[in-house]
PDB file of N, CA and C in Angstrom:
ATOM      1  N   MET A   1       0.823  -1.199   0.000  1.00  0.00           N
ATOM      2  CA  MET A   1       0.000   0.000   0.000  1.00  0.00           C
ATOM      3  C   MET A   1       0.871   1.268   0.000  1.00  0.00           C
ATOM      4  N   GLU A   2       1.850   1.314   0.905  1.00  0.00           N
ATOM      5  CA  GLU A   2       2.718   2.484   0.976  1.00  0.00           C
ATOM      6  C   GLU A   2       3.499   2.653  -0.315  1.00  0.00           C
ATOM      7  N   GLU A   3       3.880   1.528  -0.893  1.00  0.00           N
ATOM      8  CA  GLU A   3       4.643   1.561  -2.131  1.00  0.00           C
ATOM      9  C   GLU A   3       3.823   2.192  -3.256  1.00  0.00           C
ATOM     10  N   ALA A   4       2.536   1.926  -3.289  1.00  0.00           N
ATOM     11  CA  ALA A   4       1.662   2.501  -4.308  1.00  0.00           C
ATOM     12  C   ALA A   4       1.536   4.012  -4.116  1.00  0.00           C
ATOM     13  N   VAL A   5       1.442   4.431  -2.878  1.00  0.00           N
ATOM     14  CA  VAL A   5       1.335   5.864  -2.583  1.00  0.00           C
ATOM     15  C   VAL A   5       2.616   6.579  -2.994  1.00  0.00           C
ATOM     16  N   VAL A   6       3.763   6.005  -2.662  1.00  0.00           N
ATOM     17  CA  VAL A   6       5.046   6.614  -3.014  1.00  0.00           C
ATOM     18  C   VAL A   6       5.210   6.652  -4.532  1.00  0.00           C
ATOM     19  N   SER A   7       4.834   5.576  -5.212  1.00  0.00           N
ATOM     20  CA  SER A   7       4.929   5.538  -6.678  1.00  0.00           C
ATOM     21  C   SER A   7       4.051   6.614  -7.307  1.00  0.00           C
ATOM     22  N   PHE A   8       2.824   6.760  -6.782  1.00  0.00           N
ATOM     23  CA  PHE A   8       1.920   7.794  -7.294  1.00  0.00           C
ATOM     24  C   PHE A   8       2.518   9.184  -7.066  1.00  0.00           C
ATOM     25  N   ALA A   9       3.069   9.393  -5.882  1.00  0.00           N
ATOM     26  CA  ALA A   9       3.668  10.698  -5.560  1.00  0.00           C
ATOM     27  C   ALA A   9       4.841  10.989  -6.490  1.00  0.00           C
ATOM     28  N   ILE A  10       5.661  10.002  -6.759  1.00  0.00           N
ATOM     29  CA  ILE A  10       6.814  10.196  -7.641  1.00  0.00           C
ATOM     30  C   ILE A  10       6.345  10.535  -9.052  1.00  0.00           C
ATOM     31  N   GLU A  11       5.332   9.809  -9.550  1.00  0.00           N
ATOM     32  CA  GLU A  11       4.808  10.095 -10.889  1.00  0.00           C
ATOM     33  C   GLU A  11       4.230  11.496 -10.960  1.00  0.00           C
ATOM     34  N   ARG A  12       3.471  11.859  -9.948  1.00  0.00           N
ATOM     35  CA  ARG A  12       2.845  13.181  -9.928  1.00  0.00           C
ATOM     36  C   ARG A  12       3.906  14.281  -9.867  1.00  0.00           C
ATOM     37  N   LEU A  13       4.914  14.113  -9.035  1.00  0.00           N
ATOM     38  CA  LEU A  13       6.000  15.098  -8.961  1.00  0.00           C
ATOM     39  C   LEU A  13       6.737  15.193 -10.296  1.00  0.00           C
ATOM     40  N   GLY A  14       6.941  14.064 -10.935  1.00  0.00           N
ATOM     41  CA  GLY A  14       7.590  14.069 -12.248  1.00  0.00           C
ATOM     42  C   GLY A  14       6.782  14.863 -13.259  1.00  0.00           C
ATOM     43  N   ASP A  15       5.464  14.657 -13.261  1.00  0.00           N
ATOM     44  CA  ASP A  15       4.586  15.406 -14.173  1.00  0.00           C
ATOM     45  C   ASP A  15       4.637  16.903 -13.879  1.00  0.00           C
ATOM     46  N   LEU A  16       4.620  17.239 -12.604  1.00  0.00           N
ATOM     47  CA  LEU A  16       4.681  18.658 -12.221  1.00  0.00           C
ATOM     48  C   LEU A  16       6.011  19.293 -12.630  1.00  0.00           C
ATOM     49  N   LEU A  17       7.100  18.566 -12.461  1.00  0.00           N
ATOM     50  CA  LEU A  17       8.411  19.093 -12.848  1.00  0.00           C
ATOM     51  C   LEU A  17       8.498  19.302 -14.353  1.00  0.00           C
ATOM     52  N   ILE A  18       7.939  18.378 -15.119  1.00  0.00           N
ATOM     53  CA  ILE A  18       7.935  18.523 -16.580  1.00  0.00           C
ATOM     54  C   ILE A  18       7.109  19.741 -16.984  1.00  0.00           C
ATOM     55  N   ALA A  19       5.939  19.904 -16.367  1.00  0.00           N
ATOM     56  CA  ALA A  19       5.091  21.063 -16.675  1.00  0.00           C
ATOM     57  C   ALA A  19       5.803  22.366 -16.318  1.00  0.00           C
ATOM     58  N   GLU A  20       6.483  22.395 -15.182  1.00  0.00           N
ATOM     59  CA  GLU A  20       7.199  23.601 -14.754  1.00  0.00           C
ATOM     60  C   GLU A  20       8.340  23.922 -15.712  1.00  0.00           C
ATOM     61  N   ALA A  21       9.052  22.900 -16.160  1.00  0.00           N
ATOM     62  CA  ALA A  21      10.153  23.113 -17.099  1.00  0.00           C
ATOM     63  C   ALA A  21       9.631  23.689 -18.418  1.00  0.00           C
ATOM     64  N   LYS A  22       8.504  23.176 -18.893  1.00  0.00           N
ATOM     65  CA  LYS A  22       7.922  23.699 -20.135  1.00  0.00           C
ATOM     66  C   LYS A  22       7.506  25.154 -19.954  1.00  0.00           C
ATOM     67  N   PHE A  23       6.912  25.461 -18.804  1.00  0.00           N
ATOM     68  CA  PHE A  23       6.501  26.836 -18.521  1.00  0.00           C
ATOM     69  C   PHE A  23       7.703  27.771 -18.501  1.00  0.00           C
ATOM     70  N   LEU A  24       8.740  27.383 -17.782  1.00  0.00           N
ATOM     71  CA  LEU A  24       9.923  28.233 -17.669  1.00  0.00           C
ATOM     72  C   LEU A  24      10.620  28.409 -19.005  1.00  0.00           C
ATOM     73  N   TYR A  25      10.613  27.388 -19.843  1.00  0.00           N
ATOM     74  CA  TYR A  25      11.228  27.503 -21.164  1.00  0.00           C
ATOM     75  C   TYR A  25      10.480  28.551 -21.991  1.00  0.00           C
ATOM     76  N   GLY A  26       9.160  28.571 -21.892  1.00  0.00           N
ATOM     77  CA  GLY A  26       8.365  29.555 -22.623  1.00  0.00           C
ATOM     78  C   GLY A  26       8.559  30.965 -22.097  1.00  0.00           C
ATOM     79  N   VAL A  27       8.754  31.094 -20.816  1.00  0.00           N
ATOM     80  CA  VAL A  27       8.919  32.408 -20.188  1.00  0.00           C
ATOM     81  C   VAL A  27      10.241  33.036 -20.594  1.00  0.00           C
ATOM     82  N   ARG A  28      11.254  32.216 -20.809  1.00  0.00           N
ATOM     83  CA  ARG A  28      12.572  32.746 -21.132  1.00  0.00           C
ATOM     84  C   ARG A  28      12.522  33.639 -22.373  1.00  0.00           C
ATOM     85  N   GLY A  29      11.854  33.184 -23.409  1.00  0.00           N
ATOM     86  CA  GLY A  29      11.744  33.983 -24.626  1.00  0.00           C
ATOM     87  C   GLY A  29      11.008  35.289 -24.385  1.00  0.00           C
ATOM     88  N   GLN A  30       9.978  35.236 -23.567  1.00  0.00           N
ATOM     89  CA  GLN A  30       9.217  36.448 -23.259  1.00  0.00           C
ATOM     90  C   GLN A  30      10.066  37.442 -22.469  1.00  0.00           C
ATOM     91  N   VAL A  31      10.850  36.939 -21.549  1.00  0.00           N
ATOM     92  CA  VAL A  31      11.723  37.815 -20.744  1.00  0.00           C
ATOM     93  C   VAL A  31      12.787  38.449 -21.636  1.00  0.00           C
ATOM     94  N   GLU A  32      13.374  37.657 -22.526  1.00  0.00           N
ATOM     95  CA  GLU A  32      14.386  38.199 -23.434  1.00  0.00           C
ATOM     96  C   GLU A  32      13.783  39.252 -24.356  1.00  0.00           C
ATOM     97  N   ASP A  33      12.559  39.022 -24.819  1.00  0.00           N
ATOM     98  CA  ASP A  33      11.881  39.991 -25.677  1.00  0.00           C
ATOM     99  C   ASP A  33      11.600  41.285 -24.916  1.00  0.00           C
ATOM    100  N   ALA A  34      11.120  41.148 -23.688  1.00  0.00           N
ATOM    101  CA  ALA A  34      10.850  42.335 -22.862  1.00  0.00           C
ATOM    102  C   ALA A  34      12.137  43.106 -22.591  1.00  0.00           C
ATOM    103  N   LYS A  35      13.223  42.391 -22.340  1.00  0.00           N
ATOM    104  CA  LYS A  35      14.515  43.046 -22.081  1.00  0.00           C
ATOM    105  C   LYS A  35      14.963  43.836 -23.307  1.00  0.00           C
ATOM    106  N   ALA A  36      14.818  43.253 -24.487  1.00  0.00           N
ATOM    107  CA  ALA A  36      15.223  43.943 -25.719  1.00  0.00           C
ATOM    108  C   ALA A  36      14.383  45.205 -25.926  1.00  0.00           C
ATOM    109  N   LYS A  37      13.085  45.116 -25.662  1.00  0.00           N
ATOM    110  CA  LYS A  37      12.211  46.284 -25.818  1.00  0.00           C
ATOM    111  C   LYS A  37      12.570  47.375 -24.824  1.00  0.00           C
ATOM    112  N   LEU A  38      12.873  46.988 -23.595  1.00  0.00           N
ATOM    113  CA  LEU A  38      13.262  47.975 -22.587  1.00  0.00           C
ATOM    114  C   LEU A  38      14.593  48.643 -22.937  1.00  0.00           C
ATOM    115  N   GLN A  39      15.521  47.891 -23.489  1.00  0.00           N
ATOM    116  CA  GLN A  39      16.789  48.483 -23.917  1.00  0.00           C
ATOM    117  C   GLN A  39      16.561  49.466 -25.052  1.00  0.00           C
ATOM    118  N   TRP A  40      15.667  49.129 -25.974  1.00  0.00           N
ATOM    119  CA  TRP A  40      15.341  50.039 -27.067  1.00  0.00           C
ATOM    120  C   TRP A  40      14.722  51.317 -26.515  1.00  0.00           C
ATOM    121  N   MET A  41      13.797  51.176 -25.553  1.00  0.00           N
ATOM    122  CA  MET A  41      13.154  52.355 -24.957  1.00  0.00           C
ATOM    123  C   MET A  41      14.172  53.236 -24.246  1.00  0.00           C
ATOM    124  N   ARG A  42      15.119  52.609 -23.548  1.00  0.00           N
ATOM    125  CA  ARG A  42      16.156  53.378 -22.852  1.00  0.00           C
ATOM    126  C   ARG A  42      16.989  54.175 -23.856  1.00  0.00           C
ATOM    127  N   ALA A  43      17.362  53.546 -24.955  1.00  0.00           N
ATOM    128  CA  ALA A  43      18.143  54.239 -25.985  1.00  0.00           C
ATOM    129  C   ALA A  43      17.332  55.384 -26.598  1.00  0.00           C
ATOM    130  N   PHE A  44      16.049  55.140 -26.843  1.00  0.00           N
ATOM    131  CA  PHE A  44      15.171  56.169 -27.401  1.00  0.00           C
ATOM    132  C   PHE A  44      15.074  57.366 -26.464  1.00  0.00           C
ATOM    133  N   LEU A  45      14.857  57.096 -25.176  1.00  0.00           N
ATOM    134  CA  LEU A  45      14.735  58.190 -24.198  1.00  0.00           C
ATOM    135  C   LEU A  45      16.048  58.951 -24.042  1.00  0.00           C
ATOM    136  N   GLU A  46      17.155  58.234 -24.102  1.00  0.00           N
ATOM    137  CA  GLU A  46      18.461  58.901 -24.032  1.00  0.00           C
ATOM    138  C   GLU A  46      18.638  59.842 -25.224  1.00  0.00           C
ATOM    139  N   ARG A  47      18.243  59.377 -26.399  1.00  0.00           N
ATOM    140  CA  ARG A  47      18.340  60.209 -27.608  1.00  0.00           C
ATOM    141  C   ARG A  47      17.436  61.432 -27.483  1.00  0.00           C
ATOM    142  N   CYS A  48      16.236  61.232 -26.953  1.00  0.00           N
ATOM    143  CA  CYS A  48      15.318  62.370 -26.749  1.00  0.00           C
ATOM    144  C   CYS A  48      15.928  63.393 -25.800  1.00  0.00           C
ATOM    145  N   ARG A  49      16.554  62.894 -24.737  1.00  0.00           N
ATOM    146  CA  ARG A  49      17.174  63.801 -23.767  1.00  0.00           C
ATOM    147  C   ARG A  49      18.283  64.606 -24.428  1.00  0.00           C
ATOM    148  N   CYS A  50      19.068  63.948 -25.267  1.00  0.00           N
ATOM    149  CA  CYS A  50      20.153  64.648 -25.970  1.00  0.00           C
ATOM    150  C   CYS A  50      19.591  65.696 -26.924  1.00  0.00           C
ATOM    151  N   LEU A  51      18.548  65.339 -27.657  1.00  0.00           N
ATOM    152  CA  LEU A  51      17.947  66.283 -28.595  1.00  0.00           C
ATOM    153  C   LEU A  51      17.349  67.479 -27.864  1.00  0.00           C
ATOM    154  N   MET A  52      16.710  67.220 -26.720  1.00  0.00           N
ATOM    155  CA  MET A  52      16.133  68.320 -25.946  1.00  0.00           C
ATOM    156  C   MET A  52      17.233  69.242 -25.436  1.00  0.00           C
ATOM    157  N   SER A  53      18.338  68.670 -24.999  1.00  0.00           N
ATOM    158  CA  SER A  53      19.461  69.487 -24.528  1.00  0.00           C
ATOM    159  C   SER A  53      20.002  70.353 -25.658  1.00  0.00           C
ATOM    160  N   GLU A  54      20.122  69.756 -26.837  1.00  0.00           N
ATOM    161  CA  GLU A  54      20.604  70.514 -27.997  1.00  0.00           C
ATOM    162  C   GLU A  54      19.650  71.657 -28.335  1.00  0.00           C
ATOM    163  N   MET A  55      18.348  71.377 -28.269  1.00  0.00           N
ATOM    164  CA  MET A  55      17.354  72.409 -28.584  1.00  0.00           C
ATOM    165  C   MET A  55      17.430  73.554 -27.578  1.00  0.00           C
ATOM    166  N   VAL A  56      17.570  73.223 -26.324  1.00  0.00           N
ATOM    167  CA  VAL A  56      17.647  74.245 -25.279  1.00  0.00           C
ATOM    168  C   VAL A  56      18.900  75.094 -25.481  1.00  0.00           C
ATOM    169  N   MET A  57      20.007  74.460 -25.782  1.00  0.00           N
ATOM    170  CA  MET A  57      21.252  75.200 -26.002  1.00  0.00           C
ATOM    171  C   MET A  57      21.137  76.129 -27.218  1.00  0.00           C
ATOM    172  N   LYS A  58      20.498  75.668 -28.292  1.00  0.00           N
ATOM    173  CA  LYS A  58      20.323  76.508 -29.478  1.00  0.00           C
ATOM    174  C   LYS A  58      19.429  77.697 -29.169  1.00  0.00           C
ATOM    175  N   GLU A  59      18.346  77.458 -28.427  1.00  0.00           N
ATOM    176  CA  GLU A  59      17.439  78.556 -28.070  1.00  0.00           C
ATOM    177  C   GLU A  59      18.144  79.545 -27.151  1.00  0.00           C
ATOM    178  N   PHE A  60      18.935  79.044 -26.239  1.00  0.00           N
ATOM    179  CA  PHE A  60      19.691  79.885 -25.323  1.00  0.00           C
ATOM    180  C   PHE A  60      20.675  80.752 -26.110  1.00  0.00           C
ATOM    181  N   ALA A  61      21.383  80.121 -27.043  1.00  0.00           N
ATOM    182  CA  ALA A  61      22.349  80.869 -27.857  1.00  0.00           C
ATOM    183  C   ALA A  61      21.645  81.901 -28.726  1.00  0.00           C
ATOM    184  N   THR A  62      20.491  81.543 -29.291  1.00  0.00           N
ATOM    185  CA  THR A  62      19.745  82.483 -30.125  1.00  0.00           C
ATOM    186  C   THR A  62      19.235  83.659 -29.299  1.00  0.00           C
ATOM    187  N   ALA A  63      18.757  83.375 -28.111  1.00  0.00           N
ATOM    188  CA  ALA A  63      18.219  84.432 -27.255  1.00  0.00           C
ATOM    189  C   ALA A  63      19.291  85.441 -26.852  1.00  0.00           C
ATOM    190  N   PHE A  64      20.497  84.987 -26.615  1.00  0.00           N
ATOM    191  CA  PHE A  64      21.551  85.879 -26.176  1.00  0.00           C
ATOM    192  C   PHE A  64      22.392  86.450 -27.315  1.00  0.00           C
ATOM    193  N   SER A  65      22.156  86.014 -28.521  1.00  0.00           N
ATOM    194  CA  SER A  65      22.927  86.562 -29.638  1.00  0.00           C
ATOM    195  C   SER A  65      22.201  87.755 -30.267  1.00  0.00           C
ATOM    196  N   LYS A  66      21.027  88.043 -29.828  1.00  0.00           N
ATOM    197  CA  LYS A  66      20.251  89.172 -30.395  1.00  0.00           C
ATOM    198  C   LYS A  66      20.597  90.463 -29.720  1.00  0.00           C
TER     199      LYS A  66
END
């Protein structure tokens, strides 16, 4: 009787581990995709900050050159 319970538990744990491995494998691609998008957004925002700084400097120079 105990042997049947242990065998069932082992099979069930094996099934759960396989399901978890499949889930984690699928998540990896999603995490990598999200990371790439966040890196792109960071680069975009950095470029915007640089452009805004350039615009402010040009306006400042124009205002004081008159």
